[in-house]
Amino acid sequence: MSLAIGSSLSVASAVAPANAGILQSQLNRYQLQLADWCNCPSGKTPQGRQKIAEIQAKADAVEAQLAQSDQARSAQKIAETPTVGASAVQSPSSSSGRLLDVLA
């Protein structure tokens, strides 16, 4: 992706974060699988412990993606929040000399 110099596109918006609903769904699925493996007798075997570790790693990765997605959304909301600076506010006396009566 090429960006023009001076572009207002931020890094957070250049990389579209995965949908939080999809990530949450994946996390729920991994948590169910973990519960199944932890509560079954084969989860106590070396192969079962390896499978549990694999599923836990996947769940941890999805949780990290969810956290990153939340941070990106928070940063985007902060960036989109309008701020009013002192220069944007004009006193009534400073603009009264510039009024023009176009009906006369």
N, C-alpha and C. Protein backbone atom coordinates (compact mmCIF):
# COMPACT_ATOMS: atom_id res chain seq x y z
N MET A 1 0.85 -1.17 0.00
CA MET A 1 0.00 0.00 0.00
C MET A 1 0.89 1.22 0.00
N SER A 2 0.69 2.12 -0.94
CA SER A 2 1.49 3.34 -0.97
C SER A 2 0.62 4.50 -0.50
N LEU A 3 1.23 5.37 0.27
CA LEU A 3 0.52 6.52 0.82
C LEU A 3 1.21 7.80 0.35
N ALA A 4 0.41 8.80 0.07
CA ALA A 4 0.96 10.09 -0.32
C ALA A 4 1.55 10.77 0.91
N ILE A 5 2.56 11.58 0.69
CA ILE A 5 3.15 12.33 1.79
C ILE A 5 2.11 13.30 2.30
N GLY A 6 1.98 13.36 3.61
CA GLY A 6 1.00 14.26 4.21
C GLY A 6 -0.38 13.64 4.30
N SER A 7 -0.49 12.39 3.98
CA SER A 7 -1.79 11.72 4.05
C SER A 7 -2.23 11.62 5.50
N SER A 8 -3.52 11.76 5.72
CA SER A 8 -4.03 11.69 7.08
C SER A 8 -4.41 10.28 7.48
N LEU A 9 -4.11 9.30 6.64
CA LEU A 9 -4.42 7.91 6.94
C LEU A 9 -3.46 7.42 8.02
N SER A 10 -4.01 6.94 9.12
CA SER A 10 -3.16 6.49 10.21
C SER A 10 -2.78 5.04 10.02
N VAL A 11 -1.76 4.61 10.75
CA VAL A 11 -1.31 3.23 10.66
C VAL A 11 -2.40 2.29 11.14
N ALA A 12 -3.14 2.68 12.17
CA ALA A 12 -4.19 1.82 12.71
C ALA A 12 -5.28 1.56 11.68
N SER A 13 -5.58 2.56 10.85
CA SER A 13 -6.64 2.36 9.87
C SER A 13 -6.11 1.73 8.59
N ALA A 14 -4.78 1.75 8.39
CA ALA A 14 -4.22 1.15 7.19
C ALA A 14 -4.27 -0.37 7.27
N VAL A 15 -4.20 -0.91 8.46
CA VAL A 15 -4.28 -2.34 8.67
C VAL A 15 -5.64 -2.62 9.30
N ALA A 16 -6.51 -3.23 8.54
CA ALA A 16 -7.86 -3.49 9.05
C ALA A 16 -7.81 -4.59 10.11
N PRO A 17 -8.19 -4.28 11.33
CA PRO A 17 -8.19 -5.29 12.37
C PRO A 17 -9.29 -6.31 12.12
N ALA A 18 -9.04 -7.52 12.55
CA ALA A 18 -10.04 -8.55 12.40
C ALA A 18 -11.29 -8.18 13.20
N ASN A 19 -12.41 -8.63 12.71
CA ASN A 19 -13.68 -8.35 13.36
C ASN A 19 -13.66 -8.94 14.77
N ALA A 20 -13.99 -8.14 15.76
CA ALA A 20 -13.96 -8.58 17.15
C ALA A 20 -14.94 -9.72 17.38
N GLY A 21 -16.06 -9.72 16.68
CA GLY A 21 -17.03 -10.80 16.83
C GLY A 21 -16.48 -12.13 16.36
N ILE A 22 -15.74 -12.11 15.26
CA ILE A 22 -15.12 -13.33 14.74
C ILE A 22 -14.05 -13.83 15.71
N LEU A 23 -13.25 -12.91 16.22
CA LEU A 23 -12.20 -13.29 17.17
C LEU A 23 -12.81 -13.88 18.44
N GLN A 24 -13.88 -13.25 18.93
CA GLN A 24 -14.52 -13.75 20.14
C GLN A 24 -15.11 -15.14 19.91
N SER A 25 -15.65 -15.36 18.73
CA SER A 25 -16.20 -16.66 18.39
C SER A 25 -15.09 -17.73 18.36
N GLN A 26 -13.95 -17.38 17.78
CA GLN A 26 -12.81 -18.31 17.76
C GLN A 26 -12.34 -18.61 19.18
N LEU A 27 -12.26 -17.57 20.00
CA LEU A 27 -11.81 -17.75 21.37
C LEU A 27 -12.76 -18.67 22.13
N ASN A 28 -14.06 -18.47 21.96
CA ASN A 28 -15.04 -19.34 22.62
C ASN A 28 -14.87 -20.79 22.19
N ARG A 29 -14.64 -21.00 20.89
CA ARG A 29 -14.45 -22.36 20.38
C ARG A 29 -13.22 -23.00 21.01
N TYR A 30 -12.10 -22.26 21.09
CA TYR A 30 -10.89 -22.80 21.69
C TYR A 30 -11.08 -23.09 23.17
N GLN A 31 -11.83 -22.23 23.87
CA GLN A 31 -12.07 -22.45 25.29
C GLN A 31 -12.91 -23.70 25.52
N LEU A 32 -13.88 -23.95 24.64
CA LEU A 32 -14.67 -25.18 24.74
C LEU A 32 -13.79 -26.41 24.48
N GLN A 33 -12.93 -26.32 23.48
CA GLN A 33 -12.04 -27.44 23.19
C GLN A 33 -11.10 -27.71 24.37
N LEU A 34 -10.60 -26.62 24.97
CA LEU A 34 -9.72 -26.78 26.13
C LEU A 34 -10.45 -27.47 27.26
N ALA A 35 -11.67 -27.05 27.53
CA ALA A 35 -12.45 -27.66 28.60
C ALA A 35 -12.67 -29.14 28.33
N ASP A 36 -12.98 -29.47 27.08
CA ASP A 36 -13.19 -30.88 26.71
C ASP A 36 -11.91 -31.69 26.94
N TRP A 37 -10.78 -31.18 26.45
CA TRP A 37 -9.53 -31.91 26.58
C TRP A 37 -9.07 -32.02 28.03
N CYS A 38 -9.29 -30.97 28.80
CA CYS A 38 -8.85 -30.99 30.20
C CYS A 38 -9.70 -31.95 31.04
N ASN A 39 -10.94 -32.15 30.66
CA ASN A 39 -11.85 -32.98 31.45
C ASN A 39 -11.96 -34.42 30.95
N CYS A 40 -11.27 -34.76 29.89
CA CYS A 40 -11.35 -36.14 29.41
C CYS A 40 -10.09 -36.90 29.83
N PRO A 41 -10.20 -38.22 29.97
CA PRO A 41 -9.04 -39.01 30.40
C PRO A 41 -7.84 -38.91 29.46
N SER A 42 -8.08 -38.76 28.16
CA SER A 42 -6.95 -38.69 27.23
C SER A 42 -6.18 -37.38 27.36
N GLY A 43 -6.74 -36.41 28.06
CA GLY A 43 -6.03 -35.16 28.29
C GLY A 43 -4.88 -35.31 29.26
N LYS A 44 -4.84 -36.44 29.97
CA LYS A 44 -3.77 -36.70 30.94
C LYS A 44 -2.56 -37.38 30.29
N THR A 45 -2.71 -37.84 29.06
CA THR A 45 -1.61 -38.51 28.37
C THR A 45 -0.64 -37.46 27.81
N PRO A 46 0.56 -37.86 27.44
CA PRO A 46 1.50 -36.91 26.84
C PRO A 46 0.94 -36.27 25.56
N GLN A 47 0.26 -37.08 24.74
CA GLN A 47 -0.33 -36.53 23.52
C GLN A 47 -1.46 -35.56 23.86
N GLY A 48 -2.21 -35.88 24.88
CA GLY A 48 -3.30 -35.01 25.31
C GLY A 48 -2.78 -33.69 25.86
N ARG A 49 -1.72 -33.76 26.64
CA ARG A 49 -1.12 -32.52 27.17
C ARG A 49 -0.56 -31.66 26.04
N GLN A 50 -0.01 -32.34 25.01
CA GLN A 50 0.50 -31.59 23.85
C GLN A 50 -0.65 -30.91 23.12
N LYS A 51 -1.75 -31.62 22.95
CA LYS A 51 -2.92 -31.04 22.28
C LYS A 51 -3.47 -29.87 23.09
N ILE A 52 -3.51 -30.00 24.41
CA ILE A 52 -3.98 -28.92 25.29
C ILE A 52 -3.07 -27.70 25.13
N ALA A 53 -1.77 -27.93 25.07
CA ALA A 53 -0.82 -26.82 24.90
C ALA A 53 -1.03 -26.12 23.57
N GLU A 54 -1.30 -26.90 22.51
CA GLU A 54 -1.54 -26.31 21.19
C GLU A 54 -2.80 -25.44 21.20
N ILE A 55 -3.86 -25.98 21.79
CA ILE A 55 -5.12 -25.22 21.83
C ILE A 55 -4.95 -23.97 22.70
N GLN A 56 -4.23 -24.11 23.81
CA GLN A 56 -4.00 -22.95 24.69
C GLN A 56 -3.21 -21.87 23.96
N ALA A 57 -2.24 -22.26 23.16
CA ALA A 57 -1.45 -21.29 22.39
C ALA A 57 -2.33 -20.56 21.38
N LYS A 58 -3.24 -21.30 20.74
CA LYS A 58 -4.15 -20.67 19.80
C LYS A 58 -5.09 -19.69 20.51
N ALA A 59 -5.59 -20.10 21.68
CA ALA A 59 -6.48 -19.23 22.45
C ALA A 59 -5.74 -17.97 22.90
N ASP A 60 -4.50 -18.13 23.33
CA ASP A 60 -3.69 -16.98 23.75
C ASP A 60 -3.46 -16.01 22.59
N ALA A 61 -3.22 -16.55 21.40
CA ALA A 61 -3.00 -15.71 20.22
C ALA A 61 -4.26 -14.92 19.87
N VAL A 62 -5.42 -15.57 19.97
CA VAL A 62 -6.68 -14.87 19.67
C VAL A 62 -6.94 -13.80 20.72
N GLU A 63 -6.65 -14.10 21.99
CA GLU A 63 -6.81 -13.08 23.04
C GLU A 63 -5.92 -11.88 22.78
N ALA A 64 -4.70 -12.11 22.32
CA ALA A 64 -3.79 -11.02 22.00
C ALA A 64 -4.34 -10.19 20.84
N GLN A 65 -4.90 -10.87 19.83
CA GLN A 65 -5.50 -10.15 18.70
C GLN A 65 -6.69 -9.31 19.16
N LEU A 66 -7.49 -9.86 20.06
CA LEU A 66 -8.64 -9.11 20.58
C LEU A 66 -8.17 -7.86 21.32
N ALA A 67 -7.14 -8.02 22.14
CA ALA A 67 -6.60 -6.87 22.87
C ALA A 67 -6.05 -5.82 21.91
N GLN A 68 -5.35 -6.27 20.88
CA GLN A 68 -4.80 -5.34 19.89
C GLN A 68 -5.93 -4.64 19.13
N SER A 69 -6.97 -5.37 18.80
CA SER A 69 -8.12 -4.78 18.11
C SER A 69 -8.80 -3.73 18.98
N ASP A 70 -8.94 -4.04 20.27
CA ASP A 70 -9.54 -3.07 21.20
C ASP A 70 -8.69 -1.81 21.31
N GLN A 71 -7.38 -1.99 21.36
CA GLN A 71 -6.48 -0.83 21.44
C GLN A 71 -6.56 0.00 20.18
N ALA A 72 -6.64 -0.64 19.02
CA ALA A 72 -6.73 0.08 17.75
C ALA A 72 -8.04 0.87 17.68
N ARG A 73 -9.14 0.25 18.13
CA ARG A 73 -10.42 0.96 18.13
C ARG A 73 -10.39 2.15 19.08
N SER A 74 -9.78 1.97 20.25
CA SER A 74 -9.68 3.07 21.21
C SER A 74 -8.84 4.21 20.65
N ALA A 75 -7.73 3.87 20.01
CA ALA A 75 -6.86 4.90 19.43
C ALA A 75 -7.59 5.63 18.31
N GLN A 76 -8.37 4.89 17.53
CA GLN A 76 -9.10 5.51 16.43
C GLN A 76 -10.17 6.45 16.97
N LYS A 77 -10.86 6.05 18.03
CA LYS A 77 -11.87 6.92 18.63
C LYS A 77 -11.24 8.20 19.17
N ILE A 78 -10.08 8.06 19.80
CA ILE A 78 -9.40 9.23 20.33
C ILE A 78 -8.97 10.14 19.18
N ALA A 79 -8.48 9.56 18.10
CA ALA A 79 -8.03 10.36 16.95
C ALA A 79 -9.19 11.06 16.27
N GLU A 80 -10.38 10.44 16.31
CA GLU A 80 -11.54 11.03 15.65
C GLU A 80 -12.27 12.05 16.52
N THR A 81 -11.93 12.13 17.80
CA THR A 81 -12.58 13.07 18.70
C THR A 81 -12.15 14.48 18.34
N PRO A 82 -13.11 15.35 18.00
CA PRO A 82 -12.74 16.72 17.65
C PRO A 82 -12.27 17.49 18.88
N THR A 83 -11.28 18.32 18.64
CA THR A 83 -10.79 19.18 19.72
C THR A 83 -10.99 20.63 19.31
N VAL A 84 -11.32 21.46 20.25
CA VAL A 84 -11.53 22.88 19.99
C VAL A 84 -10.37 23.63 20.61
N GLY A 85 -9.58 24.26 19.76
CA GLY A 85 -8.44 25.03 20.24
C GLY A 85 -8.84 26.49 20.43
N ALA A 86 -7.98 27.26 21.05
CA ALA A 86 -8.26 28.66 21.30
C ALA A 86 -8.37 29.44 19.99
N SER A 87 -7.65 29.03 18.96
CA SER A 87 -7.70 29.75 17.69
C SER A 87 -9.01 29.51 16.95
N ALA A 88 -9.71 28.44 17.26
CA ALA A 88 -10.96 28.13 16.58
C ALA A 88 -12.12 28.95 17.14
N VAL A 89 -11.97 29.46 18.35
CA VAL A 89 -13.03 30.23 18.97
C VAL A 89 -12.77 31.71 18.71
N GLN A 90 -13.74 32.40 18.10
CA GLN A 90 -13.58 33.82 17.81
C GLN A 90 -14.51 34.61 18.71
N SER A 91 -14.04 35.74 19.12
CA SER A 91 -14.91 36.61 19.92
C SER A 91 -15.83 37.38 18.98
N PRO A 92 -17.02 37.75 19.42
CA PRO A 92 -17.95 38.45 18.55
C PRO A 92 -17.41 39.77 18.03
N SER A 93 -16.59 40.46 18.82
CA SER A 93 -16.08 41.76 18.39
C SER A 93 -15.09 41.64 17.24
N SER A 94 -14.40 40.50 17.14
CA SER A 94 -13.40 40.38 16.08
C SER A 94 -14.03 40.13 14.72
N SER A 95 -15.26 39.61 14.67
CA SER A 95 -15.88 39.33 13.38
C SER A 95 -16.90 40.38 12.98
N SER A 96 -17.26 41.32 13.88
CA SER A 96 -18.32 42.28 13.58
C SER A 96 -17.91 43.28 12.49
N GLY A 97 -16.65 43.59 12.32
CA GLY A 97 -16.20 44.51 11.31
C GLY A 97 -16.21 43.92 9.92
N ARG A 98 -16.41 42.62 9.80
CA ARG A 98 -16.35 41.95 8.52
C ARG A 98 -17.72 41.61 7.98
N LEU A 99 -18.79 42.00 8.60
CA LEU A 99 -20.12 41.69 8.12
C LEU A 99 -20.45 42.58 6.93
N LEU A 100 -21.17 42.03 5.99
CA LEU A 100 -21.50 42.73 4.76
C LEU A 100 -23.01 42.66 4.55
N ASP A 101 -23.64 43.76 4.31
CA ASP A 101 -25.09 43.78 4.05
C ASP A 101 -25.28 43.69 2.54
N VAL A 102 -25.76 42.55 2.07
CA VAL A 102 -25.88 42.34 0.63
C VAL A 102 -27.24 42.79 0.10
N LEU A 103 -28.19 43.16 0.94
CA LEU A 103 -29.50 43.60 0.50
C LEU A 103 -29.54 45.08 0.18
N ALA A 104 -28.66 45.87 0.68
CA ALA A 104 -28.71 47.31 0.49
C ALA A 104 -28.23 47.76 -0.85
